[in-house]
Amino acid sequence: MNLKDIFYHKNFQWTCFNHCSIWHFSELSAVKEHDKKVTKEAQQAQEDVSISYCPWHSCSDAFKVVFLCLNFWYNYSQLRTALSEAQKNASLLAEYHDLYELQRKRLETSVHLLTEERELWSNAAYSLALKVC
């Protein structure tokens, strides 16, 4: 390898390194910007939550307890409704499964009968062919 080739090779390596460094720097900048955006959104959400609870600080404890109890009972009723719907759906699914099993057994029986009938016709045709020949 002569001096010109070494210089060209080193220059090429330096150019590739430079381009890769620029690309990595731009990627890193994009990631940092995205992280800043996500952090800002998380802080805004946290502030929104804390702002929504700010009026409770000025209320009496009894009012807070009543509000929490009402909120609990509302969520409890929603949960009970969802649970009853889930149980109805589960029973409906079980009925559909039973119907599927019945239909599958009926089709298996039908296929079995058709197979036996085909065997009978095949044997009859074979014995008839033997008699004719």
Protein backbone atom coordinates (compact mmCIF):
# COMPACT_ATOMS: atom_id res chain seq x y z
CA MET A 1 0.00 0.00 0.00
CA ASN A 2 1.51 3.31 -0.99
CA LEU A 3 1.18 6.64 0.79
CA LYS A 4 -1.60 7.86 -1.51
CA ASP A 5 -3.74 4.77 -0.77
CA ILE A 6 -3.15 5.10 2.97
CA PHE A 7 -4.11 8.77 2.84
CA TYR A 8 -7.24 7.98 0.78
CA HIS A 9 -8.20 5.13 3.14
CA LYS A 10 -7.73 7.27 6.25
CA ASN A 11 -9.61 10.15 4.63
CA PHE A 12 -12.46 7.81 3.70
CA GLN A 13 -12.61 6.45 7.24
CA TRP A 14 -12.64 9.98 8.64
CA THR A 15 -15.47 10.96 6.25
CA CYS A 16 -17.54 7.92 7.26
CA PHE A 17 -16.89 8.64 10.94
CA ASN A 18 -17.87 12.27 10.43
CA HIS A 19 -21.14 11.36 8.67
CA CYS A 20 -21.98 8.75 11.31
CA SER A 21 -21.24 11.25 14.08
CA ILE A 22 -23.52 13.84 12.48
CA TRP A 23 -26.28 11.26 12.06
CA HIS A 24 -25.94 10.05 15.68
CA PHE A 25 -25.93 13.64 16.91
CA SER A 26 -29.16 14.39 15.01
CA GLU A 27 -30.74 11.19 16.36
CA LEU A 28 -29.66 12.08 19.89
CA SER A 29 -31.09 15.57 19.48
CA ALA A 30 -34.41 14.12 18.28
CA VAL A 31 -34.53 11.76 21.27
CA LYS A 32 -33.78 14.62 23.67
CA GLU A 33 -36.55 16.72 22.13
CA HIS A 34 -38.96 13.82 22.44
CA ASP A 35 -37.95 13.28 26.08
CA LYS A 36 -38.50 16.98 26.81
CA LYS A 37 -41.94 16.82 25.20
CA VAL A 38 -42.95 13.70 27.16
CA THR A 39 -41.64 15.19 30.41
CA LYS A 40 -43.53 18.40 29.79
CA GLU A 41 -46.76 16.45 29.06
CA ALA A 42 -46.29 14.38 32.23
CA GLN A 43 -45.74 17.53 34.31
CA GLN A 44 -48.81 19.14 32.74
CA ALA A 45 -50.90 16.06 33.52
CA GLN A 46 -49.65 16.06 37.11
CA GLU A 47 -50.50 19.74 37.43
CA ASP A 48 -53.96 19.13 35.96
CA VAL A 49 -54.60 16.37 38.50
CA SER A 50 -53.39 18.51 41.39
CA ILE A 51 -55.44 21.50 40.15
CA SER A 52 -58.58 19.36 39.96
CA TYR A 53 -58.17 18.46 43.65
CA CYS A 54 -57.28 21.97 44.84
CA PRO A 55 -60.87 22.95 45.81
CA TRP A 56 -60.98 20.06 48.28
CA HIS A 57 -58.30 21.67 50.43
CA SER A 58 -60.69 24.45 51.39
CA CYS A 59 -63.63 22.14 52.13
CA SER A 60 -64.38 20.53 55.44
CA ASP A 61 -63.36 16.97 56.14
CA ALA A 62 -66.99 15.87 56.44
CA PHE A 63 -67.72 17.08 52.92
CA LYS A 64 -64.66 15.23 51.64
CA VAL A 65 -65.82 12.04 53.34
CA VAL A 66 -69.32 12.38 51.84
CA PHE A 67 -67.86 12.99 48.40
CA LEU A 68 -65.55 9.98 48.72
CA CYS A 69 -68.42 7.78 49.90
CA LEU A 70 -70.60 8.84 46.99
CA ASN A 71 -67.74 8.27 44.60
CA PHE A 72 -67.14 4.83 46.13
CA TRP A 73 -70.79 3.79 45.81
CA TYR A 74 -70.96 5.04 42.23
CA ASN A 75 -67.86 3.05 41.30
CA TYR A 76 -69.19 0.05 43.23
CA SER A 77 -72.46 0.11 41.29
CA GLN A 78 -70.57 0.44 38.01
CA LEU A 79 -68.43 -2.53 38.98
CA ARG A 80 -71.47 -4.63 39.91
CA THR A 81 -73.12 -3.81 36.58
CA ALA A 82 -69.97 -4.75 34.69
CA LEU A 83 -69.66 -7.97 36.69
CA SER A 84 -73.26 -9.00 35.99
CA GLU A 85 -72.77 -8.30 32.28
CA ALA A 86 -69.60 -10.37 32.32
CA GLN A 87 -71.47 -13.27 33.97
CA LYS A 88 -74.25 -13.03 31.36
CA ASN A 89 -71.67 -13.06 28.60
CA ALA A 90 -69.93 -16.05 30.16
CA SER A 91 -73.18 -18.01 30.38
CA LEU A 92 -74.03 -17.09 26.78
CA LEU A 93 -70.59 -18.25 25.71
CA ALA A 94 -71.10 -21.55 27.55
CA GLU A 95 -74.42 -22.06 25.74
CA TYR A 96 -72.78 -21.35 22.39
CA HIS A 97 -70.04 -23.83 23.27
CA ASP A 98 -72.65 -26.49 24.08
CA LEU A 99 -74.42 -25.82 20.77
CA TYR A 100 -71.09 -26.06 18.97
CA GLU A 101 -70.37 -29.43 20.61
CA LEU A 102 -73.82 -30.75 19.64
CA GLN A 103 -73.40 -29.57 16.06
CA ARG A 104 -69.91 -31.10 15.88
CA LYS A 105 -71.18 -34.46 17.15
CA ARG A 106 -74.07 -34.37 14.68
CA LEU A 107 -71.69 -33.64 11.79
CA GLU A 108 -69.30 -36.38 12.92
CA THR A 109 -72.19 -38.87 12.95
CA SER A 110 -73.29 -37.70 9.52
CA VAL A 111 -69.78 -38.08 8.11
CA HIS A 112 -69.51 -41.54 9.66
CA LEU A 113 -72.83 -42.62 8.09
CA LEU A 114 -71.81 -41.23 4.70
CA THR A 115 -68.50 -43.07 4.91
CA GLU A 116 -70.28 -46.35 5.69
CA GLU A 117 -72.74 -45.79 2.85
CA ARG A 118 -69.88 -45.07 0.45
CA GLU A 119 -68.16 -48.29 1.54
CA LEU A 120 -71.38 -50.27 0.96
CA TRP A 121 -71.82 -48.82 -2.54
CA SER A 122 -68.16 -49.40 -3.31
CA ASN A 123 -68.35 -53.03 -2.20
CA ALA A 124 -71.60 -53.54 -4.15
CA ALA A 125 -70.06 -52.07 -7.31
CA TYR A 126 -66.94 -54.19 -6.87
CA SER A 127 -68.90 -57.43 -6.39
CA LEU A 128 -71.14 -56.55 -9.38
CA ALA A 129 -68.06 -55.91 -11.51
CA LEU A 130 -66.63 -59.28 -10.52
CA LYS A 131 -69.88 -61.03 -11.50
CA VAL A 132 -70.04 -59.24 -14.87
CA CYS A 133 -66.48 -60.10 -15.79
